[in-house]
Amino acid sequence: MGQVELLNNATVADQPVASFDWSPDKQGLCAFTAFDQTVRVGIVTRLNQY
């Protein structure tokens, strides 16, 4: 199955995150919204390494 290791911890919004979705086309690309009416885009790297 693999392992999960926390590499970084970041605050992405002042308010709680309301929604989160991975891109079906681009590996590692995600978008999320928060209750402070912002939309943010995130990039996750090293997803295909063992």
C-alpha atoms as a PDB file:
ATOM      1  CA  MET A   1       0.000   0.000   0.000  1.00  0.00           C
ATOM      2  CA  GLY A   2       2.775   2.462   0.763  1.00  0.00           C
ATOM      3  CA  GLN A   3       3.603   4.874   3.525  1.00  0.00           C
ATOM      4  CA  VAL A   4       2.532   8.367   4.501  1.00  0.00           C
ATOM      5  CA  GLU A   5       5.037  10.748   6.008  1.00  0.00           C
ATOM      6  CA  LEU A   6       4.344  14.354   6.976  1.00  0.00           C
ATOM      7  CA  LEU A   7       6.913  16.528   5.215  1.00  0.00           C
ATOM      8  CA  ASN A   8       5.396  19.967   5.686  1.00  0.00           C
ATOM      9  CA  ASN A   9       2.631  21.639   7.633  1.00  0.00           C
ATOM     10  CA  ALA A  10       1.122  24.862   6.293  1.00  0.00           C
ATOM     11  CA  THR A  11      -1.818  27.114   7.052  1.00  0.00           C
ATOM     12  CA  VAL A  12      -3.717  27.605   3.813  1.00  0.00           C
ATOM     13  CA  ALA A  13      -6.557  29.846   5.016  1.00  0.00           C
ATOM     14  CA  ASP A  14      -7.642  31.874   8.014  1.00  0.00           C
ATOM     15  CA  GLN A  15     -11.055  30.222   7.950  1.00  0.00           C
ATOM     16  CA  PRO A  16     -11.856  26.478   7.680  1.00  0.00           C
ATOM     17  CA  VAL A  17     -11.535  24.843   4.255  1.00  0.00           C
ATOM     18  CA  ALA A  18     -14.980  24.294   2.736  1.00  0.00           C
ATOM     19  CA  SER A  19     -14.103  22.123  -0.267  1.00  0.00           C
ATOM     20  CA  PHE A  20     -11.122  20.283  -1.738  1.00  0.00           C
ATOM     21  CA  ASP A  21     -10.740  18.551  -5.094  1.00  0.00           C
ATOM     22  CA  TRP A  22      -7.934  16.834  -7.010  1.00  0.00           C
ATOM     23  CA  SER A  23      -7.497  17.556 -10.710  1.00  0.00           C
ATOM     24  CA  PRO A  24      -8.470  14.535 -12.828  1.00  0.00           C
ATOM     25  CA  ASP A  25      -6.078  15.616 -15.607  1.00  0.00           C
ATOM     26  CA  LYS A  26      -2.943  16.857 -13.839  1.00  0.00           C
ATOM     27  CA  GLN A  27      -1.317  14.669 -11.194  1.00  0.00           C
ATOM     28  CA  GLY A  28      -0.671  16.583  -7.969  1.00  0.00           C
ATOM     29  CA  LEU A  29      -2.788  19.631  -8.800  1.00  0.00           C
ATOM     30  CA  CYS A  30      -5.600  20.485  -6.389  1.00  0.00           C
ATOM     31  CA  ALA A  31      -7.932  23.357  -5.615  1.00  0.00           C
ATOM     32  CA  PHE A  32      -9.722  24.281  -2.443  1.00  0.00           C
ATOM     33  CA  THR A  33     -12.004  26.990  -1.134  1.00  0.00           C
ATOM     34  CA  ALA A  34     -12.389  28.399   2.345  1.00  0.00           C
ATOM     35  CA  PHE A  35     -15.107  30.232   4.220  1.00  0.00           C
ATOM     36  CA  ASP A  36     -13.144  33.475   3.787  1.00  0.00           C
ATOM     37  CA  GLN A  37     -14.334  33.429   0.135  1.00  0.00           C
ATOM     38  CA  THR A  38     -10.984  32.536  -1.408  1.00  0.00           C
ATOM     39  CA  VAL A  39      -9.981  29.904  -3.936  1.00  0.00           C
ATOM     40  CA  ARG A  40      -6.490  28.488  -3.706  1.00  0.00           C
ATOM     41  CA  VAL A  41      -4.534  26.123  -5.920  1.00  0.00           C
ATOM     42  CA  GLY A  42      -2.099  23.611  -4.468  1.00  0.00           C
ATOM     43  CA  ILE A  43       0.644  21.515  -6.017  1.00  0.00           C
ATOM     44  CA  VAL A  44       1.777  18.224  -4.511  1.00  0.00           C
ATOM     45  CA  THR A  45       5.065  16.740  -5.716  1.00  0.00           C
ATOM     46  CA  ARG A  46       6.681  13.295  -5.491  1.00  0.00           C
ATOM     47  CA  LEU A  47       3.402  11.404  -5.841  1.00  0.00           C
ATOM     48  CA  ASN A  48       4.815   8.756  -8.153  1.00  0.00           C
ATOM     49  CA  GLN A  49       7.878   7.844  -6.061  1.00  0.00           C
ATOM     50  CA  TYR A  50       7.960   4.657  -4.002  1.00  0.00           C
END
